[in-house]
Amino acid sequence: MSHSSTNWEQTFSELFVRAVEKYQQGHHQAKGLVDAEGSKFLHSIGYTEQEFFDFPEDFAKGGEPTLKTALEIAAVRRGYFLDEQEGVFSSHRIDMGKLPSKDAEIEGIGWLPRLIPKAEAKLRGEMPADLMYGCGGDRKFFRTNQIDPAEFLRQTWKAGTDHAKLVAWVKSTRRQS
């Protein structure tokens, strides 16, 4: 990832902290959670306001994902956005109705069939407003399999369309745990 910026991590972190405070004060929607400058910043790293909102909202409600996790996920999305998409947003959104069921398995690994297309959509910025990469079900998968959500995104990027490669990586990670 060759792109640098004037401390985007600090800006993201400050927005996250302010967003959590605003959420705790009763602002429970993505629209208006950040000001125009914050929205412009999020756009520059490949994020929509809704994608950003999901992290402070869940943190405010239950303490996770943490700022560190949100920042690491944003770093992968930002890298993909700048390197692969050359700073151009995708106009496509995935269809939630076409995601594998929540109880689907690949090689005995639950949730993975659902998580792979979500991770791909997160990388490409194609998440619909009602879907979150890093939701409660994802977090349970990551905890159960001792996998870092940002690392899963990096491995998804690395695997490209080769889902078997990603499944093999998950299986090897599970054995090491």
C-alpha atoms as a PDB file:
ATOM      1  CA  MET A   1       0.000   0.000   0.000  1.00  0.00           C
ATOM      2  CA  SER A   2       1.923   2.962  -1.275  1.00  0.00           C
ATOM      3  CA  HIS A   3      -0.411   5.824  -0.475  1.00  0.00           C
ATOM      4  CA  SER A   4       0.380   8.150   2.378  1.00  0.00           C
ATOM      5  CA  SER A   5      -1.663  10.955   3.830  1.00  0.00           C
ATOM      6  CA  THR A   6      -1.338  13.579   6.494  1.00  0.00           C
ATOM      7  CA  ASN A   7      -2.220  11.393   9.433  1.00  0.00           C
ATOM      8  CA  TRP A   8      -5.570  10.060   8.292  1.00  0.00           C
ATOM      9  CA  GLU A   9      -5.525   7.667  11.259  1.00  0.00           C
ATOM     10  CA  GLN A  10      -5.686  10.576  13.699  1.00  0.00           C
ATOM     11  CA  THR A  11      -8.580  12.165  11.805  1.00  0.00           C
ATOM     12  CA  PHE A  12     -10.450   8.848  11.724  1.00  0.00           C
ATOM     13  CA  SER A  13      -9.822   8.333  15.439  1.00  0.00           C
ATOM     14  CA  GLU A  14     -11.062  11.803  16.338  1.00  0.00           C
ATOM     15  CA  LEU A  15     -14.199  11.303  14.215  1.00  0.00           C
ATOM     16  CA  PHE A  16     -14.812   7.928  15.889  1.00  0.00           C
ATOM     17  CA  VAL A  17     -14.535   9.349  19.416  1.00  0.00           C
ATOM     18  CA  ARG A  18     -16.818  12.295  18.558  1.00  0.00           C
ATOM     19  CA  ALA A  19     -19.288   9.952  16.856  1.00  0.00           C
ATOM     20  CA  VAL A  20     -19.481   7.703  19.931  1.00  0.00           C
ATOM     21  CA  GLU A  21     -20.120  10.751  22.125  1.00  0.00           C
ATOM     22  CA  LYS A  22     -22.775  12.028  19.729  1.00  0.00           C
ATOM     23  CA  TYR A  23     -24.422   8.594  19.609  1.00  0.00           C
ATOM     24  CA  GLN A  24     -24.463   8.435  23.426  1.00  0.00           C
ATOM     25  CA  GLN A  25     -26.118  11.869  23.447  1.00  0.00           C
ATOM     26  CA  GLY A  26     -28.977  10.527  21.306  1.00  0.00           C
ATOM     27  CA  HIS A  27     -27.896  10.903  17.664  1.00  0.00           C
ATOM     28  CA  HIS A  28     -28.823   7.423  16.392  1.00  0.00           C
ATOM     29  CA  GLN A  29     -28.522   7.752  12.620  1.00  0.00           C
ATOM     30  CA  ALA A  30     -25.690   7.981  10.132  1.00  0.00           C
ATOM     31  CA  LYS A  31     -26.912  11.199   8.548  1.00  0.00           C
ATOM     32  CA  GLY A  32     -25.443  14.149  10.390  1.00  0.00           C
ATOM     33  CA  LEU A  33     -23.161  12.096  12.620  1.00  0.00           C
ATOM     34  CA  VAL A  34     -20.177  13.824  11.029  1.00  0.00           C
ATOM     35  CA  ASP A  35     -19.988  17.354   9.663  1.00  0.00           C
ATOM     36  CA  ALA A  36     -19.273  18.248   6.019  1.00  0.00           C
ATOM     37  CA  GLU A  37     -15.514  18.133   6.596  1.00  0.00           C
ATOM     38  CA  GLY A  38     -15.821  14.712   8.245  1.00  0.00           C
ATOM     39  CA  SER A  39     -17.960  13.452   5.379  1.00  0.00           C
ATOM     40  CA  LYS A  40     -15.367  14.689   2.863  1.00  0.00           C
ATOM     41  CA  PHE A  41     -12.638  12.925   4.837  1.00  0.00           C
ATOM     42  CA  LEU A  42     -14.595   9.645   4.954  1.00  0.00           C
ATOM     43  CA  HIS A  43     -15.140   9.879   1.203  1.00  0.00           C
ATOM     44  CA  SER A  44     -11.373  10.331   0.714  1.00  0.00           C
ATOM     45  CA  ILE A  45     -10.698   6.973   2.398  1.00  0.00           C
ATOM     46  CA  GLY A  46     -13.467   5.121   0.569  1.00  0.00           C
ATOM     47  CA  TYR A  47     -16.072   5.199   3.334  1.00  0.00           C
ATOM     48  CA  THR A  48     -19.701   6.188   3.353  1.00  0.00           C
ATOM     49  CA  GLU A  49     -21.204   7.819   6.422  1.00  0.00           C
ATOM     50  CA  GLN A  50     -23.272   4.660   6.992  1.00  0.00           C
ATOM     51  CA  GLU A  51     -20.216   2.371   6.941  1.00  0.00           C
ATOM     52  CA  PHE A  52     -18.513   4.634   9.450  1.00  0.00           C
ATOM     53  CA  PHE A  53     -21.638   4.963  11.643  1.00  0.00           C
ATOM     54  CA  ASP A  54     -21.920   1.209  12.170  1.00  0.00           C
ATOM     55  CA  PHE A  55     -18.662   1.084  14.155  1.00  0.00           C
ATOM     56  CA  PRO A  56     -19.305   3.903  16.662  1.00  0.00           C
ATOM     57  CA  GLU A  57     -22.918   2.712  17.013  1.00  0.00           C
ATOM     58  CA  ASP A  58     -21.942  -0.847  17.921  1.00  0.00           C
ATOM     59  CA  PHE A  59     -19.132   0.389  20.169  1.00  0.00           C
ATOM     60  CA  ALA A  60     -21.510   2.732  22.008  1.00  0.00           C
ATOM     61  CA  LYS A  61     -24.021  -0.099  22.468  1.00  0.00           C
ATOM     62  CA  GLY A  62     -21.672  -2.926  23.453  1.00  0.00           C
ATOM     63  CA  GLY A  63     -18.026  -1.883  23.568  1.00  0.00           C
ATOM     64  CA  GLU A  64     -17.018  -3.452  20.273  1.00  0.00           C
ATOM     65  CA  PRO A  65     -15.646  -3.154  17.726  1.00  0.00           C
ATOM     66  CA  THR A  66     -13.035  -0.957  19.369  1.00  0.00           C
ATOM     67  CA  LEU A  67     -11.497   2.095  17.786  1.00  0.00           C
ATOM     68  CA  LYS A  68      -8.363   0.042  17.093  1.00  0.00           C
ATOM     69  CA  THR A  69     -10.372  -2.582  15.187  1.00  0.00           C
ATOM     70  CA  ALA A  70     -12.380   0.045  13.294  1.00  0.00           C
ATOM     71  CA  LEU A  71      -9.166   1.854  12.360  1.00  0.00           C
ATOM     72  CA  GLU A  72      -7.463  -1.335  11.148  1.00  0.00           C
ATOM     73  CA  ILE A  73     -10.485  -2.271   9.018  1.00  0.00           C
ATOM     74  CA  ALA A  74     -10.579   1.270   7.626  1.00  0.00           C
ATOM     75  CA  ALA A  75      -6.879   1.001   6.752  1.00  0.00           C
ATOM     76  CA  VAL A  76      -7.507  -2.084   4.616  1.00  0.00           C
ATOM     77  CA  ARG A  77     -10.543  -0.523   2.922  1.00  0.00           C
ATOM     78  CA  ARG A  78      -8.583   2.704   2.336  1.00  0.00           C
ATOM     79  CA  GLY A  79      -5.680   0.762   0.805  1.00  0.00           C
ATOM     80  CA  TYR A  80      -7.993  -1.151  -1.505  1.00  0.00           C
ATOM     81  CA  PHE A  81      -9.887   2.015  -2.432  1.00  0.00           C
ATOM     82  CA  LEU A  82      -6.716   3.908  -3.322  1.00  0.00           C
ATOM     83  CA  ASP A  83      -4.658   1.064  -4.833  1.00  0.00           C
ATOM     84  CA  GLU A  84      -7.225  -1.137  -6.573  1.00  0.00           C
ATOM     85  CA  GLN A  85     -10.068   1.284  -7.220  1.00  0.00           C
ATOM     86  CA  GLU A  86      -7.790   4.271  -7.781  1.00  0.00           C
ATOM     87  CA  GLY A  87     -10.029   6.399  -5.568  1.00  0.00           C
ATOM     88  CA  VAL A  88     -13.207   5.682  -7.536  1.00  0.00           C
ATOM     89  CA  PHE A  89     -16.269   4.412  -5.689  1.00  0.00           C
ATOM     90  CA  SER A  90     -18.177   1.410  -6.994  1.00  0.00           C
ATOM     91  CA  SER A  91     -21.767   2.199  -7.918  1.00  0.00           C
ATOM     92  CA  HIS A  92     -22.832  -1.394  -7.135  1.00  0.00           C
ATOM     93  CA  ARG A  93     -24.291  -2.599  -3.806  1.00  0.00           C
ATOM     94  CA  ILE A  94     -24.561  -6.280  -2.987  1.00  0.00           C
ATOM     95  CA  ASP A  95     -27.999  -7.789  -2.550  1.00  0.00           C
ATOM     96  CA  MET A  96     -28.424  -8.935   1.057  1.00  0.00           C
ATOM     97  CA  GLY A  97     -31.036 -11.420  -0.088  1.00  0.00           C
ATOM     98  CA  LYS A  98     -28.388 -13.265  -2.086  1.00  0.00           C
ATOM     99  CA  LEU A  99     -26.000 -13.748   0.831  1.00  0.00           C
ATOM    100  CA  PRO A 100     -25.639 -17.320   2.087  1.00  0.00           C
ATOM    101  CA  SER A 101     -27.776 -18.100   5.120  1.00  0.00           C
ATOM    102  CA  LYS A 102     -26.439 -17.411   8.578  1.00  0.00           C
ATOM    103  CA  ASP A 103     -26.164 -21.137   9.288  1.00  0.00           C
ATOM    104  CA  ALA A 104     -24.312 -22.037   6.058  1.00  0.00           C
ATOM    105  CA  GLU A 105     -20.910 -23.716   6.343  1.00  0.00           C
ATOM    106  CA  ILE A 106     -17.858 -24.292   4.156  1.00  0.00           C
ATOM    107  CA  GLU A 107     -15.807 -27.352   5.084  1.00  0.00           C
ATOM    108  CA  GLY A 108     -17.462 -27.394   8.502  1.00  0.00           C
ATOM    109  CA  ILE A 109     -16.750 -23.722   9.194  1.00  0.00           C
ATOM    110  CA  GLY A 110     -19.932 -21.881  10.100  1.00  0.00           C
ATOM    111  CA  TRP A 111     -20.617 -18.295   9.021  1.00  0.00           C
ATOM    112  CA  LEU A 112     -17.697 -18.337   6.557  1.00  0.00           C
ATOM    113  CA  PRO A 113     -19.889 -18.616   3.414  1.00  0.00           C
ATOM    114  CA  ARG A 114     -21.698 -15.441   4.518  1.00  0.00           C
ATOM    115  CA  LEU A 115     -18.556 -13.623   5.645  1.00  0.00           C
ATOM    116  CA  ILE A 116     -16.621 -14.000   2.386  1.00  0.00           C
ATOM    117  CA  PRO A 117     -19.026 -11.981   0.196  1.00  0.00           C
ATOM    118  CA  LYS A 118     -19.400  -9.435   2.990  1.00  0.00           C
ATOM    119  CA  ALA A 119     -15.623  -8.995   3.155  1.00  0.00           C
ATOM    120  CA  GLU A 120     -15.450  -8.657  -0.629  1.00  0.00           C
ATOM    121  CA  ALA A 121     -18.205  -6.046  -0.522  1.00  0.00           C
ATOM    122  CA  LYS A 122     -16.437  -4.191   2.293  1.00  0.00           C
ATOM    123  CA  LEU A 123     -13.225  -4.071   0.265  1.00  0.00           C
ATOM    124  CA  ARG A 124     -15.034  -2.728  -2.803  1.00  0.00           C
ATOM    125  CA  GLY A 125     -17.275  -0.335  -0.874  1.00  0.00           C
ATOM    126  CA  GLU A 126     -20.390  -2.222  -1.951  1.00  0.00           C
ATOM    127  CA  MET A 127     -22.090  -2.723   1.413  1.00  0.00           C
ATOM    128  CA  PRO A 128     -25.787  -1.879   1.493  1.00  0.00           C
ATOM    129  CA  ALA A 129     -26.876   0.416   4.321  1.00  0.00           C
ATOM    130  CA  ASP A 130     -28.400  -2.460   6.335  1.00  0.00           C
ATOM    131  CA  LEU A 131     -25.270  -4.626   6.342  1.00  0.00           C
ATOM    132  CA  MET A 132     -22.102  -4.271   8.394  1.00  0.00           C
ATOM    133  CA  TYR A 133     -18.727  -5.938   8.069  1.00  0.00           C
ATOM    134  CA  GLY A 134     -17.840  -6.608  11.681  1.00  0.00           C
ATOM    135  CA  CYS A 135     -21.418  -7.092  12.935  1.00  0.00           C
ATOM    136  CA  GLY A 136     -22.168  -9.292  15.928  1.00  0.00           C
ATOM    137  CA  GLY A 137     -22.224 -12.481  13.832  1.00  0.00           C
ATOM    138  CA  ASP A 138     -18.913 -11.585  12.219  1.00  0.00           C
ATOM    139  CA  ARG A 139     -17.376 -10.779  15.597  1.00  0.00           C
ATOM    140  CA  LYS A 140     -18.490 -14.151  16.953  1.00  0.00           C
ATOM    141  CA  PHE A 141     -16.847 -15.862  13.949  1.00  0.00           C
ATOM    142  CA  PHE A 142     -13.624 -13.897  14.480  1.00  0.00           C
ATOM    143  CA  ARG A 143     -13.530 -14.692  18.212  1.00  0.00           C
ATOM    144  CA  THR A 144     -14.355 -18.374  17.708  1.00  0.00           C
ATOM    145  CA  ASN A 145     -11.669 -18.779  15.058  1.00  0.00           C
ATOM    146  CA  GLN A 146      -9.162 -16.368  16.648  1.00  0.00           C
ATOM    147  CA  ILE A 147      -8.979 -14.287  13.470  1.00  0.00           C
ATOM    148  CA  ASP A 148      -8.443 -10.551  13.328  1.00  0.00           C
ATOM    149  CA  PRO A 149     -11.163  -8.873  11.189  1.00  0.00           C
ATOM    150  CA  ALA A 150      -8.677  -6.597   9.411  1.00  0.00           C
ATOM    151  CA  GLU A 151      -6.412  -9.547   8.655  1.00  0.00           C
ATOM    152  CA  PHE A 152      -9.397 -11.419   7.229  1.00  0.00           C
ATOM    153  CA  LEU A 153     -10.008  -8.444   4.926  1.00  0.00           C
ATOM    154  CA  ARG A 154      -6.326  -8.424   3.874  1.00  0.00           C
ATOM    155  CA  GLN A 155      -6.477 -12.149   3.142  1.00  0.00           C
ATOM    156  CA  THR A 156      -9.718 -11.655   1.180  1.00  0.00           C
ATOM    157  CA  TRP A 157      -7.956  -8.992  -0.899  1.00  0.00           C
ATOM    158  CA  LYS A 158      -4.955 -11.286  -1.396  1.00  0.00           C
ATOM    159  CA  ALA A 159      -7.123 -14.279  -2.388  1.00  0.00           C
ATOM    160  CA  GLY A 160      -9.072 -12.304  -4.988  1.00  0.00           C
ATOM    161  CA  THR A 161     -11.761 -14.527  -6.458  1.00  0.00           C
ATOM    162  CA  ASP A 162     -10.075 -17.709  -5.177  1.00  0.00           C
ATOM    163  CA  HIS A 163     -12.356 -18.538  -2.268  1.00  0.00           C
ATOM    164  CA  ALA A 164     -10.637 -21.903  -1.790  1.00  0.00           C
ATOM    165  CA  LYS A 165      -7.422 -20.034  -0.983  1.00  0.00           C
ATOM    166  CA  LEU A 166      -9.253 -17.989   1.651  1.00  0.00           C
ATOM    167  CA  VAL A 167     -10.895 -21.086   3.145  1.00  0.00           C
ATOM    168  CA  ALA A 168      -7.471 -22.782   3.310  1.00  0.00           C
ATOM    169  CA  TRP A 169      -6.054 -19.744   5.089  1.00  0.00           C
ATOM    170  CA  VAL A 170      -8.893 -19.809   7.639  1.00  0.00           C
ATOM    171  CA  LYS A 171      -8.365 -23.546   8.211  1.00  0.00           C
ATOM    172  CA  SER A 172      -4.597 -23.072   8.699  1.00  0.00           C
ATOM    173  CA  THR A 173      -5.205 -20.216  11.113  1.00  0.00           C
ATOM    174  CA  ARG A 174      -7.636 -22.351  13.103  1.00  0.00           C
ATOM    175  CA  ARG A 175      -5.095 -25.175  13.420  1.00  0.00           C
ATOM    176  CA  GLN A 176      -2.452 -22.800  14.760  1.00  0.00           C
ATOM    177  CA  SER A 177      -4.808 -21.555  17.479  1.00  0.00           C
END
